Amino acid sequence: MAVYFVDSSALVKRYISEIGSTWVLSLFDPALDNDILIAAITGVEIVAAITRRARGGSISVTDAKGVCSHFRSDLQSEYQVVEITENIINSAMALAEAHGLRGYDAVQLAAGREISALCIASSLPPVTFVSADNELNTAAASEGLLIENPNDYP
């Protein structure tokens, strides 16, 4: 068993086939009994990413609706959702300033960092921060998080 905090740039690969999708899908192998955590904002980001792809023509509108429905169903049972607290927001502001991150990326990192700290304090396995965003991964590594980039697994 391992604990993964997965941001939207990585999680979207579970729903849209692209580089790294096979690796992301492997995280959900029931035999591994992994814990998958996501920030509450990830739902917005996933639906937006899928919808934008439909508007851009890379997937059909019908497929996008089906994928969004599948994601919403998974959201109810497949993920542990990290609520965005005032502490996470305050941490995200500091991380945005320190690393020049985009807003939601800073929130993702703040949530992942908080979960990592909780796991360490509870003597649980370390959290692996999973993102397909190189800039975010650089910031996460500099904050002491273990990182994985699904794009490294074509």
Protein backbone atom coordinates (compact mmCIF):
# COMPACT_ATOMS: atom_id res chain seq x y z
CA MET A 1 0.00 0.00 0.00
CA ALA A 2 1.12 3.53 -0.80
CA VAL A 3 -0.38 6.96 -0.33
CA TYR A 4 -0.64 9.26 -3.35
CA PHE A 5 -1.79 12.85 -3.53
CA VAL A 6 -2.80 13.29 -7.18
CA ASP A 7 -3.29 16.71 -8.75
CA SER A 8 -5.63 17.33 -11.66
CA SER A 9 -2.91 17.35 -14.36
CA ALA A 10 -2.18 13.73 -13.44
CA LEU A 11 -5.69 12.57 -12.55
CA VAL A 12 -7.13 13.67 -15.89
CA LYS A 13 -4.97 10.93 -17.42
CA ARG A 14 -7.27 8.38 -15.79
CA TYR A 15 -10.15 9.69 -17.89
CA ILE A 16 -8.47 10.89 -21.09
CA SER A 17 -5.90 8.70 -22.83
CA GLU A 18 -2.57 10.50 -23.13
CA ILE A 19 1.07 10.06 -22.16
CA GLY A 20 1.22 8.68 -18.65
CA SER A 21 -2.34 7.31 -18.61
CA THR A 22 -1.23 3.70 -18.21
CA TRP A 23 0.92 4.60 -15.21
CA VAL A 24 -1.89 6.60 -13.57
CA LEU A 25 -4.34 3.75 -14.16
CA SER A 26 -1.89 1.38 -12.44
CA LEU A 27 -2.24 3.38 -9.21
CA PHE A 28 -5.84 2.16 -9.02
CA ASP A 29 -5.01 -1.56 -9.18
CA PRO A 30 -7.11 -3.03 -6.32
CA ALA A 31 -4.33 -5.49 -5.47
CA LEU A 32 -2.09 -2.57 -4.48
CA ASP A 33 -4.64 -1.10 -2.06
CA ASN A 34 -3.30 2.43 -2.62
CA ASP A 35 -4.84 5.44 -0.94
CA ILE A 36 -5.54 8.17 -3.49
CA LEU A 37 -6.09 11.66 -2.13
CA ILE A 38 -7.17 14.69 -4.11
CA ALA A 39 -7.90 18.30 -3.23
CA ALA A 40 -11.56 19.32 -3.32
CA ILE A 41 -10.78 21.75 -6.18
CA THR A 42 -9.64 18.85 -8.36
CA GLY A 43 -13.24 18.10 -9.31
CA VAL A 44 -13.61 21.54 -10.85
CA GLU A 45 -10.31 21.21 -12.68
CA ILE A 46 -11.10 17.75 -14.11
CA VAL A 47 -14.55 18.73 -15.39
CA ALA A 48 -13.08 21.93 -16.87
CA ALA A 49 -10.24 20.03 -18.59
CA ILE A 50 -12.61 17.48 -20.12
CA THR A 51 -15.10 20.12 -21.23
CA ARG A 52 -12.35 22.25 -22.80
CA ARG A 53 -11.15 19.24 -24.78
CA ALA A 54 -14.65 18.74 -26.14
CA ARG A 55 -14.84 22.41 -27.13
CA GLY A 56 -11.43 22.05 -28.78
CA GLY A 57 -12.60 19.00 -30.71
CA SER A 58 -10.12 16.43 -29.34
CA ILE A 59 -13.06 14.45 -27.89
CA SER A 60 -16.74 14.51 -28.75
CA VAL A 61 -19.28 16.34 -26.62
CA THR A 62 -21.03 13.02 -26.00
CA ASP A 63 -17.79 11.40 -24.83
CA ALA A 64 -17.02 14.40 -22.62
CA LYS A 65 -20.42 14.10 -20.93
CA GLY A 66 -19.83 10.39 -20.32
CA VAL A 67 -16.34 10.97 -18.97
CA CYS A 68 -17.56 13.74 -16.65
CA SER A 69 -20.31 11.43 -15.39
CA HIS A 70 -17.78 8.64 -14.82
CA PHE A 71 -15.51 11.05 -12.92
CA ARG A 72 -18.39 12.28 -10.74
CA SER A 73 -19.23 8.67 -9.89
CA ASP A 74 -15.60 7.92 -9.00
CA LEU A 75 -15.49 11.08 -6.89
CA GLN A 76 -18.05 9.50 -4.56
CA SER A 77 -16.03 6.36 -3.85
CA GLU A 78 -12.53 6.26 -5.35
CA TYR A 79 -10.83 9.21 -3.70
CA GLN A 80 -10.22 10.67 -0.30
CA VAL A 81 -11.05 14.34 -0.80
CA VAL A 82 -9.01 16.92 1.08
CA GLU A 83 -11.16 19.90 2.00
CA ILE A 84 -9.66 23.32 1.42
CA THR A 85 -9.25 24.92 4.82
CA GLU A 86 -8.14 28.39 5.81
CA ASN A 87 -4.72 26.94 6.69
CA ILE A 88 -4.38 25.47 3.20
CA ILE A 89 -5.39 28.80 1.62
CA ASN A 90 -2.84 30.69 3.73
CA SER A 91 -0.16 28.14 2.89
CA ALA A 92 -1.11 28.32 -0.81
CA MET A 93 -0.66 32.09 -0.82
CA ALA A 94 2.83 31.71 0.66
CA LEU A 95 3.68 28.94 -1.83
CA ALA A 96 2.42 31.03 -4.77
CA GLU A 97 4.63 33.86 -3.65
CA ALA A 98 7.67 31.68 -2.94
CA HIS A 99 7.51 29.62 -6.14
CA GLY A 100 5.59 31.83 -8.59
CA LEU A 101 2.85 29.20 -8.94
CA ARG A 102 -0.57 29.64 -10.52
CA GLY A 103 -3.40 29.87 -7.99
CA TYR A 104 -4.87 26.36 -8.15
CA ASP A 105 -1.38 24.85 -8.42
CA ALA A 106 -0.44 26.56 -5.17
CA VAL A 107 -3.61 25.18 -3.54
CA GLN A 108 -2.79 21.67 -4.83
CA LEU A 109 0.72 21.90 -3.39
CA ALA A 110 -0.49 23.29 -0.07
CA ALA A 111 -3.02 20.45 0.27
CA GLY A 112 -0.42 17.83 -0.66
CA ARG A 113 2.08 19.29 1.77
CA GLU A 114 -0.49 19.28 4.59
CA ILE A 115 -1.38 15.63 3.96
CA SER A 116 2.31 14.73 3.88
CA ALA A 117 2.88 16.44 7.23
CA LEU A 118 -0.11 14.60 8.75
CA CYS A 119 1.19 11.25 7.50
CA ILE A 120 4.67 11.90 8.87
CA ALA A 121 3.24 12.99 12.23
CA SER A 122 1.13 9.81 12.37
CA SER A 123 4.02 7.49 11.39
CA LEU A 124 2.24 6.55 8.16
CA PRO A 125 3.91 5.85 4.82
CA PRO A 126 5.15 8.98 3.06
CA VAL A 127 2.87 10.67 0.56
CA THR A 128 3.91 10.77 -3.07
CA PHE A 129 2.83 13.97 -4.83
CA VAL A 130 1.73 13.07 -8.38
CA SER A 131 1.59 15.81 -11.00
CA ALA A 132 2.21 16.12 -14.73
CA ASP A 133 3.18 19.78 -14.27
CA ASN A 134 6.97 20.26 -14.24
CA GLU A 135 6.83 23.66 -12.53
CA LEU A 136 4.58 22.32 -9.79
CA ASN A 137 6.78 19.25 -9.35
CA THR A 138 9.86 21.45 -8.97
CA ALA A 139 8.09 23.43 -6.25
CA ALA A 140 6.87 20.23 -4.55
CA ALA A 141 10.36 18.75 -4.54
CA SER A 142 11.80 21.94 -3.08
CA GLU A 143 9.16 21.67 -0.33
CA GLY A 144 10.48 18.21 0.51
CA LEU A 145 7.74 16.10 -1.08
CA LEU A 146 8.35 12.87 -2.95
CA ILE A 147 7.16 13.40 -6.51
CA GLU A 148 6.14 11.33 -9.50
CA ASN A 149 5.40 12.67 -12.95
CA PRO A 150 3.21 10.31 -15.00
CA ASN A 151 4.68 11.85 -18.16
CA ASP A 152 7.90 10.03 -17.27
CA TYR A 153 6.07 6.76 -18.02
CA PRO A 154 5.01 6.83 -21.67
